[in-house]
Amino acid sequence: MRCLAAVRPRRVVIVLLATMLGLLAQMALSEVPKRNVYVFWQEGCPHCARAMDGLARTEVETGDFRLAPIELGMSKDNDALFHEVIRQMGADCAAVPLVVVGLIIPSALPAAACRSIGIVN
């Protein structure tokens, strides 16, 4: 796992903005129940801090989703959850911050990791 500091900051900002705009557009166009927005992050990652700040402000302003931050590097369960989500998504590389909107399928995930973020298996 690596911090996105090695990736061009402009690209990271564009991806984060596109993700946030997509989330806002989805919420504005449909009457859906609150969705979970899972943010895999790591202490010391400046891109993670920016993503968390922006999503937290949006959560407060809209109230349309529940922010569920998942810190990596401090818990084996959270790390296992991150790697399983990456596998389920079919992603070629893993990096933080990783924002997952909506359902994480608990049946394929470690039970302890699911409990730690409020998913009942």
PDB file of N, CA and C in Angstrom:
ATOM      1  N   MET A   1       0.853  -1.159   0.000  1.00  0.00           N
ATOM      2  CA  MET A   1       0.000   0.000   0.000  1.00  0.00           C
ATOM      3  C   MET A   1       0.901   1.224   0.000  1.00  0.00           C
ATOM      4  N   ARG A   2       0.524   2.216  -0.751  1.00  0.00           N
ATOM      5  CA  ARG A   2       1.355   3.409  -0.817  1.00  0.00           C
ATOM      6  C   ARG A   2       0.476   4.645  -0.726  1.00  0.00           C
ATOM      7  N   CYS A   3       1.070   5.708  -0.273  1.00  0.00           N
ATOM      8  CA  CYS A   3       0.377   6.989  -0.200  1.00  0.00           C
ATOM      9  C   CYS A   3       0.378   7.599  -1.596  1.00  0.00           C
ATOM     10  N   LEU A   4      -0.651   8.333  -1.916  1.00  0.00           N
ATOM     11  CA  LEU A   4      -0.735   8.940  -3.240  1.00  0.00           C
ATOM     12  C   LEU A   4       0.210  10.125  -3.413  1.00  0.00           C
ATOM     13  N   ALA A   5       1.055  10.382  -2.415  1.00  0.00           N
ATOM     14  CA  ALA A   5       1.999  11.489  -2.543  1.00  0.00           C
ATOM     15  C   ALA A   5       2.929  11.282  -3.734  1.00  0.00           C
ATOM     16  N   ALA A   6       3.139  10.025  -4.122  1.00  0.00           N
ATOM     17  CA  ALA A   6       4.006   9.729  -5.254  1.00  0.00           C
ATOM     18  C   ALA A   6       3.310   9.995  -6.589  1.00  0.00           C
ATOM     19  N   VAL A   7       1.990  10.109  -6.571  1.00  0.00           N
ATOM     20  CA  VAL A   7       1.218  10.379  -7.776  1.00  0.00           C
ATOM     21  C   VAL A   7       1.075  11.894  -7.918  1.00  0.00           C
ATOM     22  N   ARG A   8       0.928  12.344  -9.136  1.00  0.00           N
ATOM     23  CA  ARG A   8       0.828  13.780  -9.356  1.00  0.00           C
ATOM     24  C   ARG A   8      -0.350  14.366  -8.588  1.00  0.00           C
ATOM     25  N   PRO A   9      -0.109  15.426  -7.786  1.00  0.00           N
ATOM     26  CA  PRO A   9      -1.178  16.028  -6.983  1.00  0.00           C
ATOM     27  C   PRO A   9      -2.358  16.507  -7.830  1.00  0.00           C
ATOM     28  N   ARG A  10      -2.102  17.016  -9.020  1.00  0.00           N
ATOM     29  CA  ARG A  10      -3.189  17.513  -9.865  1.00  0.00           C
ATOM     30  C   ARG A  10      -4.153  16.380 -10.229  1.00  0.00           C
ATOM     31  N   ARG A  11      -3.612  15.221 -10.557  1.00  0.00           N
ATOM     32  CA  ARG A  11      -4.443  14.069 -10.907  1.00  0.00           C
ATOM     33  C   ARG A  11      -5.283  13.638  -9.701  1.00  0.00           C
ATOM     34  N   VAL A  12      -4.678  13.650  -8.519  1.00  0.00           N
ATOM     35  CA  VAL A  12      -5.387  13.252  -7.304  1.00  0.00           C
ATOM     36  C   VAL A  12      -6.551  14.202  -7.042  1.00  0.00           C
ATOM     37  N   VAL A  13      -6.310  15.489  -7.166  1.00  0.00           N
ATOM     38  CA  VAL A  13      -7.354  16.482  -6.933  1.00  0.00           C
ATOM     39  C   VAL A  13      -8.494  16.291  -7.935  1.00  0.00           C
ATOM     40  N   ILE A  14      -8.170  16.040  -9.184  1.00  0.00           N
ATOM     41  CA  ILE A  14      -9.192  15.838 -10.210  1.00  0.00           C
ATOM     42  C   ILE A  14     -10.034  14.598  -9.884  1.00  0.00           C
ATOM     43  N   VAL A  15      -9.385  13.516  -9.492  1.00  0.00           N
ATOM     44  CA  VAL A  15     -10.110  12.284  -9.147  1.00  0.00           C
ATOM     45  C   VAL A  15     -11.006  12.513  -7.935  1.00  0.00           C
ATOM     46  N   LEU A  16     -10.490  13.190  -6.912  1.00  0.00           N
ATOM     47  CA  LEU A  16     -11.297  13.458  -5.722  1.00  0.00           C
ATOM     48  C   LEU A  16     -12.489  14.344  -6.037  1.00  0.00           C
ATOM     49  N   LEU A  17     -12.269  15.379  -6.832  1.00  0.00           N
ATOM     50  CA  LEU A  17     -13.375  16.262  -7.208  1.00  0.00           C
ATOM     51  C   LEU A  17     -14.425  15.522  -8.027  1.00  0.00           C
ATOM     52  N   ALA A  18     -13.984  14.698  -8.958  1.00  0.00           N
ATOM     53  CA  ALA A  18     -14.927  13.929  -9.772  1.00  0.00           C
ATOM     54  C   ALA A  18     -15.742  12.973  -8.900  1.00  0.00           C
ATOM     55  N   THR A  19     -15.089  12.344  -7.933  1.00  0.00           N
ATOM     56  CA  THR A  19     -15.787  11.439  -7.022  1.00  0.00           C
ATOM     57  C   THR A  19     -16.830  12.188  -6.208  1.00  0.00           C
ATOM     58  N   MET A  20     -16.435  13.341  -5.666  1.00  0.00           N
ATOM     59  CA  MET A  20     -17.366  14.121  -4.850  1.00  0.00           C
ATOM     60  C   MET A  20     -18.512  14.666  -5.697  1.00  0.00           C
ATOM     61  N   LEU A  21     -18.224  15.130  -6.899  1.00  0.00           N
ATOM     62  CA  LEU A  21     -19.288  15.629  -7.770  1.00  0.00           C
ATOM     63  C   LEU A  21     -20.239  14.510  -8.175  1.00  0.00           C
ATOM     64  N   GLY A  22     -19.705  13.342  -8.460  1.00  0.00           N
ATOM     65  CA  GLY A  22     -20.550  12.202  -8.797  1.00  0.00           C
ATOM     66  C   GLY A  22     -21.462  11.825  -7.641  1.00  0.00           C
ATOM     67  N   LEU A  23     -20.920  11.848  -6.440  1.00  0.00           N
ATOM     68  CA  LEU A  23     -21.717  11.544  -5.252  1.00  0.00           C
ATOM     69  C   LEU A  23     -22.823  12.571  -5.073  1.00  0.00           C
ATOM     70  N   LEU A  24     -22.482  13.834  -5.202  1.00  0.00           N
ATOM     71  CA  LEU A  24     -23.490  14.890  -5.059  1.00  0.00           C
ATOM     72  C   LEU A  24     -24.548  14.811  -6.143  1.00  0.00           C
ATOM     73  N   ALA A  25     -24.148  14.529  -7.375  1.00  0.00           N
ATOM     74  CA  ALA A  25     -25.116  14.410  -8.471  1.00  0.00           C
ATOM     75  C   ALA A  25     -26.061  13.240  -8.230  1.00  0.00           C
ATOM     76  N   GLN A  26     -25.531  12.135  -7.783  1.00  0.00           N
ATOM     77  CA  GLN A  26     -26.366  10.968  -7.509  1.00  0.00           C
ATOM     78  C   GLN A  26     -27.381  11.289  -6.425  1.00  0.00           C
ATOM     79  N   MET A  27     -26.957  11.977  -5.378  1.00  0.00           N
ATOM     80  CA  MET A  27     -27.866  12.307  -4.286  1.00  0.00           C
ATOM     81  C   MET A  27     -28.918  13.319  -4.730  1.00  0.00           C
ATOM     82  N   ALA A  28     -28.550  14.240  -5.607  1.00  0.00           N
ATOM     83  CA  ALA A  28     -29.485  15.259  -6.058  1.00  0.00           C
ATOM     84  C   ALA A  28     -30.531  14.704  -7.012  1.00  0.00           C
ATOM     85  N   LEU A  29     -30.178  13.692  -7.793  1.00  0.00           N
ATOM     86  CA  LEU A  29     -31.080  13.169  -8.807  1.00  0.00           C
ATOM     87  C   LEU A  29     -32.052  12.113  -8.305  1.00  0.00           C
ATOM     88  N   SER A  30     -31.801  11.549  -7.164  1.00  0.00           N
ATOM     89  CA  SER A  30     -32.681  10.474  -6.715  1.00  0.00           C
ATOM     90  C   SER A  30     -32.938  10.570  -5.223  1.00  0.00           C
ATOM     91  N   GLU A  31     -34.083  10.063  -4.850  1.00  0.00           N
ATOM     92  CA  GLU A  31     -34.449   9.990  -3.449  1.00  0.00           C
ATOM     93  C   GLU A  31     -34.005   8.626  -2.933  1.00  0.00           C
ATOM     94  N   VAL A  32     -32.790   8.531  -2.503  1.00  0.00           N
ATOM     95  CA  VAL A  32     -32.278   7.259  -2.008  1.00  0.00           C
ATOM     96  C   VAL A  32     -32.037   7.380  -0.507  1.00  0.00           C
ATOM     97  N   PRO A  33     -32.127   6.261   0.191  1.00  0.00           N
ATOM     98  CA  PRO A  33     -31.787   6.306   1.609  1.00  0.00           C
ATOM     99  C   PRO A  33     -30.309   6.626   1.769  1.00  0.00           C
ATOM    100  N   LYS A  34     -29.939   6.991   2.987  1.00  0.00           N
ATOM    101  CA  LYS A  34     -28.532   7.303   3.236  1.00  0.00           C
ATOM    102  C   LYS A  34     -27.640   6.156   2.796  1.00  0.00           C
ATOM    103  N   ARG A  35     -26.610   6.515   2.082  1.00  0.00           N
ATOM    104  CA  ARG A  35     -25.620   5.527   1.655  1.00  0.00           C
ATOM    105  C   ARG A  35     -24.390   5.673   2.535  1.00  0.00           C
ATOM    106  N   ASN A  36     -23.691   4.566   2.671  1.00  0.00           N
ATOM    107  CA  ASN A  36     -22.413   4.606   3.371  1.00  0.00           C
ATOM    108  C   ASN A  36     -21.342   5.041   2.383  1.00  0.00           C
ATOM    109  N   VAL A  37     -20.472   5.907   2.840  1.00  0.00           N
ATOM    110  CA  VAL A  37     -19.296   6.300   2.063  1.00  0.00           C
ATOM    111  C   VAL A  37     -18.089   5.885   2.897  1.00  0.00           C
ATOM    112  N   TYR A  38     -17.447   4.806   2.446  1.00  0.00           N
ATOM    113  CA  TYR A  38     -16.296   4.266   3.151  1.00  0.00           C
ATOM    114  C   TYR A  38     -15.037   4.935   2.615  1.00  0.00           C
ATOM    115  N   VAL A  39     -14.199   5.428   3.528  1.00  0.00           N
ATOM    116  CA  VAL A  39     -12.947   6.061   3.125  1.00  0.00           C
ATOM    117  C   VAL A  39     -11.804   5.315   3.802  1.00  0.00           C
ATOM    118  N   PHE A  40     -11.040   4.603   2.984  1.00  0.00           N
ATOM    119  CA  PHE A  40      -9.838   3.955   3.484  1.00  0.00           C
ATOM    120  C   PHE A  40      -8.740   5.008   3.469  1.00  0.00           C
ATOM    121  N   TRP A  41      -8.116   5.238   4.612  1.00  0.00           N
ATOM    122  CA  TRP A  41      -7.120   6.297   4.729  1.00  0.00           C
ATOM    123  C   TRP A  41      -5.967   5.838   5.608  1.00  0.00           C
ATOM    124  N   GLN A  42      -4.889   6.633   5.582  1.00  0.00           N
ATOM    125  CA  GLN A  42      -3.714   6.298   6.370  1.00  0.00           C
ATOM    126  C   GLN A  42      -3.166   7.568   7.005  1.00  0.00           C
ATOM    127  N   GLU A  43      -2.793   7.469   8.258  1.00  0.00           N
ATOM    128  CA  GLU A  43      -2.218   8.594   9.003  1.00  0.00           C
ATOM    129  C   GLU A  43      -0.988   9.133   8.268  1.00  0.00           C
ATOM    130  N   GLY A  44      -0.898  10.435   8.176  1.00  0.00           N
ATOM    131  CA  GLY A  44       0.249  11.071   7.532  1.00  0.00           C
ATOM    132  C   GLY A  44       0.097  11.292   6.041  1.00  0.00           C
ATOM    133  N   CYS A  45      -0.967  10.803   5.437  1.00  0.00           N
ATOM    134  CA  CYS A  45      -1.194  10.970   4.003  1.00  0.00           C
ATOM    135  C   CYS A  45      -1.932  12.291   3.774  1.00  0.00           C
ATOM    136  N   PRO A  46      -1.301  13.270   3.121  1.00  0.00           N
ATOM    137  CA  PRO A  46      -1.951  14.574   2.929  1.00  0.00           C
ATOM    138  C   PRO A  46      -3.181  14.487   2.032  1.00  0.00           C
ATOM    139  N   HIS A  47      -3.190  13.585   1.077  1.00  0.00           N
ATOM    140  CA  HIS A  47      -4.345  13.445   0.184  1.00  0.00           C
ATOM    141  C   HIS A  47      -5.531  12.850   0.949  1.00  0.00           C
ATOM    142  N   CYS A  48      -5.218  11.952   1.868  1.00  0.00           N
ATOM    143  CA  CYS A  48      -6.271  11.368   2.712  1.00  0.00           C
ATOM    144  C   CYS A  48      -6.913  12.449   3.571  1.00  0.00           C
ATOM    145  N   ALA A  49      -6.084  13.307   4.138  1.00  0.00           N
ATOM    146  CA  ALA A  49      -6.606  14.386   4.993  1.00  0.00           C
ATOM    147  C   ALA A  49      -7.524  15.313   4.188  1.00  0.00           C
ATOM    148  N   ARG A  50      -7.110  15.661   2.970  1.00  0.00           N
ATOM    149  CA  ARG A  50      -7.956  16.530   2.132  1.00  0.00           C
ATOM    150  C   ARG A  50      -9.262  15.853   1.762  1.00  0.00           C
ATOM    151  N   ALA A  51      -9.190  14.573   1.406  1.00  0.00           N
ATOM    152  CA  ALA A  51     -10.399  13.836   1.041  1.00  0.00           C
ATOM    153  C   ALA A  51     -11.351  13.753   2.233  1.00  0.00           C
ATOM    154  N   MET A  52     -10.814  13.433   3.401  1.00  0.00           N
ATOM    155  CA  MET A  52     -11.646  13.315   4.602  1.00  0.00           C
ATOM    156  C   MET A  52     -12.292  14.652   4.953  1.00  0.00           C
ATOM    157  N   ASP A  53     -11.540  15.738   4.855  1.00  0.00           N
ATOM    158  CA  ASP A  53     -12.098  17.066   5.153  1.00  0.00           C
ATOM    159  C   ASP A  53     -13.239  17.401   4.204  1.00  0.00           C
ATOM    160  N   GLY A  54     -13.023  17.196   2.912  1.00  0.00           N
ATOM    161  CA  GLY A  54     -14.056  17.514   1.924  1.00  0.00           C
ATOM    162  C   GLY A  54     -15.298  16.665   2.094  1.00  0.00           C
ATOM    163  N   LEU A  55     -15.116  15.375   2.326  1.00  0.00           N
ATOM    164  CA  LEU A  55     -16.264  14.486   2.513  1.00  0.00           C
ATOM    165  C   LEU A  55     -16.994  14.777   3.818  1.00  0.00           C
ATOM    166  N   ALA A  56     -16.261  15.106   4.873  1.00  0.00           N
ATOM    167  CA  ALA A  56     -16.898  15.435   6.150  1.00  0.00           C
ATOM    168  C   ALA A  56     -17.745  16.702   6.012  1.00  0.00           C
ATOM    169  N   ARG A  57     -17.229  17.712   5.302  1.00  0.00           N
ATOM    170  CA  ARG A  57     -18.020  18.944   5.072  1.00  0.00           C
ATOM    171  C   ARG A  57     -19.273  18.631   4.266  1.00  0.00           C
ATOM    172  N   THR A  58     -19.132  17.805   3.242  1.00  0.00           N
ATOM    173  CA  THR A  58     -20.276  17.444   2.404  1.00  0.00           C
ATOM    174  C   THR A  58     -21.302  16.658   3.206  1.00  0.00           C
ATOM    175  N   GLU A  59     -20.843  15.772   4.074  1.00  0.00           N
ATOM    176  CA  GLU A  59     -21.749  14.992   4.921  1.00  0.00           C
ATOM    177  C   GLU A  59     -22.564  15.919   5.818  1.00  0.00           C
ATOM    178  N   VAL A  60     -21.899  16.900   6.425  1.00  0.00           N
ATOM    179  CA  VAL A  60     -22.585  17.843   7.305  1.00  0.00           C
ATOM    180  C   VAL A  60     -23.566  18.705   6.506  1.00  0.00           C
ATOM    181  N   GLU A  61     -23.146  19.183   5.334  1.00  0.00           N
ATOM    182  CA  GLU A  61     -23.986  20.074   4.532  1.00  0.00           C
ATOM    183  C   GLU A  61     -25.209  19.369   3.962  1.00  0.00           C
ATOM    184  N   THR A  62     -25.047  18.126   3.515  1.00  0.00           N
ATOM    185  CA  THR A  62     -26.162  17.453   2.839  1.00  0.00           C
ATOM    186  C   THR A  62     -26.902  16.482   3.745  1.00  0.00           C
ATOM    187  N   GLY A  63     -26.192  15.808   4.625  1.00  0.00           N
ATOM    188  CA  GLY A  63     -26.803  14.811   5.482  1.00  0.00           C
ATOM    189  C   GLY A  63     -27.321  13.594   4.730  1.00  0.00           C
ATOM    190  N   ASP A  64     -26.914  13.439   3.467  1.00  0.00           N
ATOM    191  CA  ASP A  64     -27.441  12.368   2.626  1.00  0.00           C
ATOM    192  C   ASP A  64     -26.642  11.075   2.690  1.00  0.00           C
ATOM    193  N   PHE A  65     -25.533  11.076   3.366  1.00  0.00           N
ATOM    194  CA  PHE A  65     -24.736   9.861   3.460  1.00  0.00           C
ATOM    195  C   PHE A  65     -24.064   9.791   4.817  1.00  0.00           C
ATOM    196  N   ARG A  66     -23.609   8.601   5.134  1.00  0.00           N
ATOM    197  CA  ARG A  66     -22.908   8.350   6.393  1.00  0.00           C
ATOM    198  C   ARG A  66     -21.445   8.089   6.065  1.00  0.00           C
ATOM    199  N   LEU A  67     -20.568   8.926   6.568  1.00  0.00           N
ATOM    200  CA  LEU A  67     -19.140   8.774   6.331  1.00  0.00           C
ATOM    201  C   LEU A  67     -18.591   7.715   7.280  1.00  0.00           C
ATOM    202  N   ALA A  68     -17.904   6.732   6.718  1.00  0.00           N
ATOM    203  CA  ALA A  68     -17.332   5.635   7.505  1.00  0.00           C
ATOM    204  C   ALA A  68     -15.844   5.541   7.224  1.00  0.00           C
ATOM    205  N   PRO A  69     -15.026   6.300   7.960  1.00  0.00           N
ATOM    206  CA  PRO A  69     -13.582   6.237   7.747  1.00  0.00           C
ATOM    207  C   PRO A  69     -12.990   4.935   8.288  1.00  0.00           C
ATOM    208  N   ILE A  70     -12.061   4.373   7.526  1.00  0.00           N
ATOM    209  CA  ILE A  70     -11.409   3.122   7.911  1.00  0.00           C
ATOM    210  C   ILE A  70      -9.900   3.348   7.841  1.00  0.00           C
ATOM    211  N   GLU A  71      -9.266   3.443   9.009  1.00  0.00           N
ATOM    212  CA  GLU A  71      -7.831   3.720   9.048  1.00  0.00           C
ATOM    213  C   GLU A  71      -7.039   2.452   8.789  1.00  0.00           C
ATOM    214  N   LEU A  72      -6.051   2.574   7.932  1.00  0.00           N
ATOM    215  CA  LEU A  72      -5.182   1.449   7.595  1.00  0.00           C
ATOM    216  C   LEU A  72      -3.878   1.548   8.369  1.00  0.00           C
ATOM    217  N   GLY A  73      -3.267   0.409   8.583  1.00  0.00           N
ATOM    218  CA  GLY A  73      -1.972   0.377   9.255  1.00  0.00           C
ATOM    219  C   GLY A  73      -2.064   0.203  10.758  1.00  0.00           C
ATOM    220  N   MET A  74      -3.254   0.322  11.341  1.00  0.00           N
ATOM    221  CA  MET A  74      -3.419   0.200  12.788  1.00  0.00           C
ATOM    222  C   MET A  74      -4.155  -1.079  13.186  1.00  0.00           C
ATOM    223  N   SER A  75      -4.807  -1.705  12.200  1.00  0.00           N
ATOM    224  CA  SER A  75      -5.616  -2.887  12.491  1.00  0.00           C
ATOM    225  C   SER A  75      -5.475  -3.888  11.348  1.00  0.00           C
ATOM    226  N   LYS A  76      -5.161  -5.123  11.705  1.00  0.00           N
ATOM    227  CA  LYS A  76      -5.065  -6.171  10.686  1.00  0.00           C
ATOM    228  C   LYS A  76      -6.408  -6.388  10.005  1.00  0.00           C
ATOM    229  N   ASP A  77      -7.499  -6.240  10.770  1.00  0.00           N
ATOM    230  CA  ASP A  77      -8.833  -6.409  10.196  1.00  0.00           C
ATOM    231  C   ASP A  77      -9.126  -5.348   9.144  1.00  0.00           C
ATOM    232  N   ASN A  78      -8.786  -4.095   9.441  1.00  0.00           N
ATOM    233  CA  ASN A  78      -9.010  -3.020   8.465  1.00  0.00           C
ATOM    234  C   ASN A  78      -8.155  -3.216   7.226  1.00  0.00           C
ATOM    235  N   ASP A  79      -6.910  -3.652   7.426  1.00  0.00           N
ATOM    236  CA  ASP A  79      -6.023  -3.906   6.282  1.00  0.00           C
ATOM    237  C   ASP A  79      -6.573  -5.044   5.418  1.00  0.00           C
ATOM    238  N   ALA A  80      -7.079  -6.098   6.073  1.00  0.00           N
ATOM    239  CA  ALA A  80      -7.662  -7.231   5.335  1.00  0.00           C
ATOM    240  C   ALA A  80      -8.902  -6.777   4.568  1.00  0.00           C
ATOM    241  N   LEU A  81      -9.708  -5.929   5.187  1.00  0.00           N
ATOM    242  CA  LEU A  81     -10.899  -5.400   4.530  1.00  0.00           C
ATOM    243  C   LEU A  81     -10.505  -4.594   3.292  1.00  0.00           C
ATOM    244  N   PHE A  82      -9.498  -3.747   3.409  1.00  0.00           N
ATOM    245  CA  PHE A  82      -9.007  -2.944   2.291  1.00  0.00           C
ATOM    246  C   PHE A  82      -8.588  -3.842   1.123  1.00  0.00           C
ATOM    247  N   HIS A  83      -7.794  -4.847   1.416  1.00  0.00           N
ATOM    248  CA  HIS A  83      -7.310  -5.731   0.350  1.00  0.00           C
ATOM    249  C   HIS A  83      -8.445  -6.537  -0.283  1.00  0.00           C
ATOM    250  N   GLU A  84      -9.432  -6.927   0.513  1.00  0.00           N
ATOM    251  CA  GLU A  84     -10.562  -7.666  -0.038  1.00  0.00           C
ATOM    252  C   GLU A  84     -11.432  -6.754  -0.919  1.00  0.00           C
ATOM    253  N   VAL A  85     -11.629  -5.513  -0.494  1.00  0.00           N
ATOM    254  CA  VAL A  85     -12.404  -4.571  -1.316  1.00  0.00           C
ATOM    255  C   VAL A  85     -11.679  -4.310  -2.631  1.00  0.00           C
ATOM    256  N   ILE A  86     -10.370  -4.133  -2.577  1.00  0.00           N
ATOM    257  CA  ILE A  86      -9.568  -3.943  -3.795  1.00  0.00           C
ATOM    258  C   ILE A  86      -9.749  -5.151  -4.717  1.00  0.00           C
ATOM    259  N   ARG A  87      -9.707  -6.359  -4.134  1.00  0.00           N
ATOM    260  CA  ARG A  87      -9.883  -7.580  -4.922  1.00  0.00           C
ATOM    261  C   ARG A  87     -11.279  -7.622  -5.549  1.00  0.00           C
ATOM    262  N   GLN A  88     -12.313  -7.306  -4.748  1.00  0.00           N
ATOM    263  CA  GLN A  88     -13.685  -7.325  -5.257  1.00  0.00           C
ATOM    264  C   GLN A  88     -13.883  -6.315  -6.388  1.00  0.00           C
ATOM    265  N   MET A  89     -13.205  -5.181  -6.280  1.00  0.00           N
ATOM    266  CA  MET A  89     -13.340  -4.139  -7.300  1.00  0.00           C
ATOM    267  C   MET A  89     -12.543  -4.464  -8.557  1.00  0.00           C
ATOM    268  N   GLY A  90     -11.625  -5.402  -8.455  1.00  0.00           N
ATOM    269  CA  GLY A  90     -10.794  -5.754  -9.595  1.00  0.00           C
ATOM    270  C   GLY A  90      -9.766  -4.679  -9.917  1.00  0.00           C
ATOM    271  N   ALA A  91      -9.370  -3.922  -8.901  1.00  0.00           N
ATOM    272  CA  ALA A  91      -8.401  -2.838  -9.108  1.00  0.00           C
ATOM    273  C   ALA A  91      -7.002  -3.412  -9.325  1.00  0.00           C
ATOM    274  N   ASP A  92      -6.250  -2.763 -10.209  1.00  0.00           N
ATOM    275  CA  ASP A  92      -4.894  -3.211 -10.504  1.00  0.00           C
ATOM    276  C   ASP A  92      -3.885  -2.797  -9.436  1.00  0.00           C
ATOM    277  N   CYS A  93      -4.114  -1.640  -8.818  1.00  0.00           N
ATOM    278  CA  CYS A  93      -3.188  -1.196  -7.786  1.00  0.00           C
ATOM    279  C   CYS A  93      -3.990  -0.612  -6.628  1.00  0.00           C
ATOM    280  N   ALA A  94      -3.413  -0.704  -5.459  1.00  0.00           N
ATOM    281  CA  ALA A  94      -4.069  -0.206  -4.253  1.00  0.00           C
ATOM    282  C   ALA A  94      -3.378   1.057  -3.785  1.00  0.00           C
ATOM    283  N   ALA A  95      -4.161   2.081  -3.503  1.00  0.00           N
ATOM    284  CA  ALA A  95      -3.617   3.332  -2.995  1.00  0.00           C
ATOM    285  C   ALA A  95      -4.675   3.997  -2.121  1.00  0.00           C
ATOM    286  N   VAL A  96      -4.218   4.850  -1.251  1.00  0.00           N
ATOM    287  CA  VAL A  96      -5.128   5.624  -0.410  1.00  0.00           C
ATOM    288  C   VAL A  96      -5.025   7.092  -0.786  1.00  0.00           C
ATOM    289  N   PRO A  97      -6.079   7.868  -0.614  1.00  0.00           N
ATOM    290  CA  PRO A  97      -7.372   7.466  -0.091  1.00  0.00           C
ATOM    291  C   PRO A  97      -8.172   6.690  -1.133  1.00  0.00           C
ATOM    292  N   LEU A  98      -8.933   5.726  -0.654  1.00  0.00           N
ATOM    293  CA  LEU A  98      -9.852   4.976  -1.500  1.00  0.00           C
ATOM    294  C   LEU A  98     -11.252   5.246  -0.976  1.00  0.00           C
ATOM    295  N   VAL A  99     -12.114   5.777  -1.839  1.00  0.00           N
ATOM    296  CA  VAL A  99     -13.487   6.099  -1.461  1.00  0.00           C
ATOM    297  C   VAL A  99     -14.405   5.096  -2.141  1.00  0.00           C
ATOM    298  N   VAL A 100     -15.218   4.400  -1.343  1.00  0.00           N
ATOM    299  CA  VAL A 100     -16.170   3.424  -1.851  1.00  0.00           C
ATOM    300  C   VAL A 100     -17.558   3.893  -1.438  1.00  0.00           C
ATOM    301  N   VAL A 101     -18.407   4.131  -2.430  1.00  0.00           N
ATOM    302  CA  VAL A 101     -19.758   4.620  -2.166  1.00  0.00           C
ATOM    303  C   VAL A 101     -20.735   3.464  -2.288  1.00  0.00           C
ATOM    304  N   GLY A 102     -21.549   3.290  -1.274  1.00  0.00           N
ATOM    305  CA  GLY A 102     -22.599   2.285  -1.334  1.00  0.00           C
ATOM    306  C   GLY A 102     -22.253   1.024  -0.592  1.00  0.00           C
ATOM    307  N   LEU A 103     -22.658  -0.079  -1.166  1.00  0.00           N
ATOM    308  CA  LEU A 103     -22.620  -1.362  -0.494  1.00  0.00           C
ATOM    309  C   LEU A 103     -21.263  -2.034  -0.603  1.00  0.00           C
ATOM    310  N   ILE A 104     -20.766  -2.479   0.532  1.00  0.00           N
ATOM    311  CA  ILE A 104     -19.634  -3.402   0.560  1.00  0.00           C
ATOM    312  C   ILE A 104     -20.248  -4.737   0.925  1.00  0.00           C
ATOM    313  N   ILE A 105     -20.028  -5.755   0.117  1.00  0.00           N
ATOM    314  CA  ILE A 105     -20.672  -7.043   0.321  1.00  0.00           C
ATOM    315  C   ILE A 105     -20.010  -7.764   1.495  1.00  0.00           C
ATOM    316  N   PRO A 106     -20.735  -7.882   2.621  1.00  0.00           N
ATOM    317  CA  PRO A 106     -20.108  -8.429   3.820  1.00  0.00           C
ATOM    318  C   PRO A 106     -19.811  -9.919   3.773  1.00  0.00           C
ATOM    319  N   SER A 107     -20.510 -10.695   2.960  1.00  0.00           N
ATOM    320  CA  SER A 107     -20.315 -12.141   2.979  1.00  0.00           C
ATOM    321  C   SER A 107     -18.908 -12.545   2.572  1.00  0.00           C
ATOM    322  N   ALA A 108     -18.224 -11.708   1.813  1.00  0.00           N
ATOM    323  CA  ALA A 108     -16.884 -12.053   1.351  1.00  0.00           C
ATOM    324  C   ALA A 108     -15.790 -11.395   2.191  1.00  0.00           C
ATOM    325  N   LEU A 109     -16.179 -10.710   3.259  1.00  0.00           N
ATOM    326  CA  LEU A 109     -15.217  -9.940   4.036  1.00  0.00           C
ATOM    327  C   LEU A 109     -15.005 -10.543   5.415  1.00  0.00           C
ATOM    328  N   PRO A 110     -13.847 -10.271   6.028  1.00  0.00           N
ATOM    329  CA  PRO A 110     -13.603 -10.764   7.387  1.00  0.00           C
ATOM    330  C   PRO A 110     -14.652 -10.213   8.357  1.00  0.00           C
ATOM    331  N   ALA A 111     -15.226 -11.087   9.193  1.00  0.00           N
ATOM    332  CA  ALA A 111     -16.309 -10.705  10.100  1.00  0.00           C
ATOM    333  C   ALA A 111     -15.889  -9.590  11.044  1.00  0.00           C
ATOM    334  N   ALA A 112     -14.683  -9.671  11.606  1.00  0.00           N
ATOM    335  CA  ALA A 112     -14.227  -8.646  12.555  1.00  0.00           C
ATOM    336  C   ALA A 112     -14.114  -7.290  11.868  1.00  0.00           C
ATOM    337  N   ALA A 113     -13.647  -7.286  10.640  1.00  0.00           N
ATOM    338  CA  ALA A 113     -13.523  -6.031   9.910  1.00  0.00           C
ATOM    339  C   ALA A 113     -14.904  -5.440   9.641  1.00  0.00           C
ATOM    340  N   CYS A 114     -15.854  -6.273   9.294  1.00  0.00           N
ATOM    341  CA  CYS A 114     -17.222  -5.796   9.053  1.00  0.00           C
ATOM    342  C   CYS A 114     -17.808  -5.189  10.321  1.00  0.00           C
ATOM    343  N   ARG A 115     -17.631  -5.861  11.446  1.00  0.00           N
ATOM    344  CA  ARG A 115     -18.151  -5.328  12.713  1.00  0.00           C
ATOM    345  C   ARG A 115     -17.501  -3.998  13.052  1.00  0.00           C
ATOM    346  N   SER A 116     -16.220  -3.839  12.747  1.00  0.00           N
ATOM    347  CA  SER A 116     -15.514  -2.619  13.122  1.00  0.00           C
ATOM    348  C   SER A 116     -16.039  -1.384  12.377  1.00  0.00           C
ATOM    349  N   ILE A 117     -16.698  -1.584  11.227  1.00  0.00           N
ATOM    350  CA  ILE A 117     -17.240  -0.438  10.495  1.00  0.00           C
ATOM    351  C   ILE A 117     -18.764  -0.466  10.464  1.00  0.00           C
ATOM    352  N   GLY A 118     -19.375  -1.319  11.287  1.00  0.00           N
ATOM    353  CA  GLY A 118     -20.821  -1.284  11.428  1.00  0.00           C
ATOM    354  C   GLY A 118     -21.594  -2.114  10.432  1.00  0.00           C
ATOM    355  N   ILE A 119     -20.950  -3.040   9.728  1.00  0.00           N
ATOM    356  CA  ILE A 119     -21.662  -3.923   8.807  1.00  0.00           C
ATOM    357  C   ILE A 119     -21.949  -5.211   9.565  1.00  0.00           C
ATOM    358  N   VAL A 120     -23.199  -5.602   9.608  1.00  0.00           N
ATOM    359  CA  VAL A 120     -23.562  -6.860  10.257  1.00  0.00           C
ATOM    360  C   VAL A 120     -23.586  -7.945   9.217  1.00  0.00           C
ATOM    361  N   ASN A 121     -22.830  -8.985   9.443  1.00  0.00           N
ATOM    362  CA  ASN A 121     -22.711 -10.080   8.486  1.00  0.00           C
ATOM    363  C   ASN A 121     -23.812 -11.099   8.691  1.00  0.00           C
TER     364      ASN A 121
END
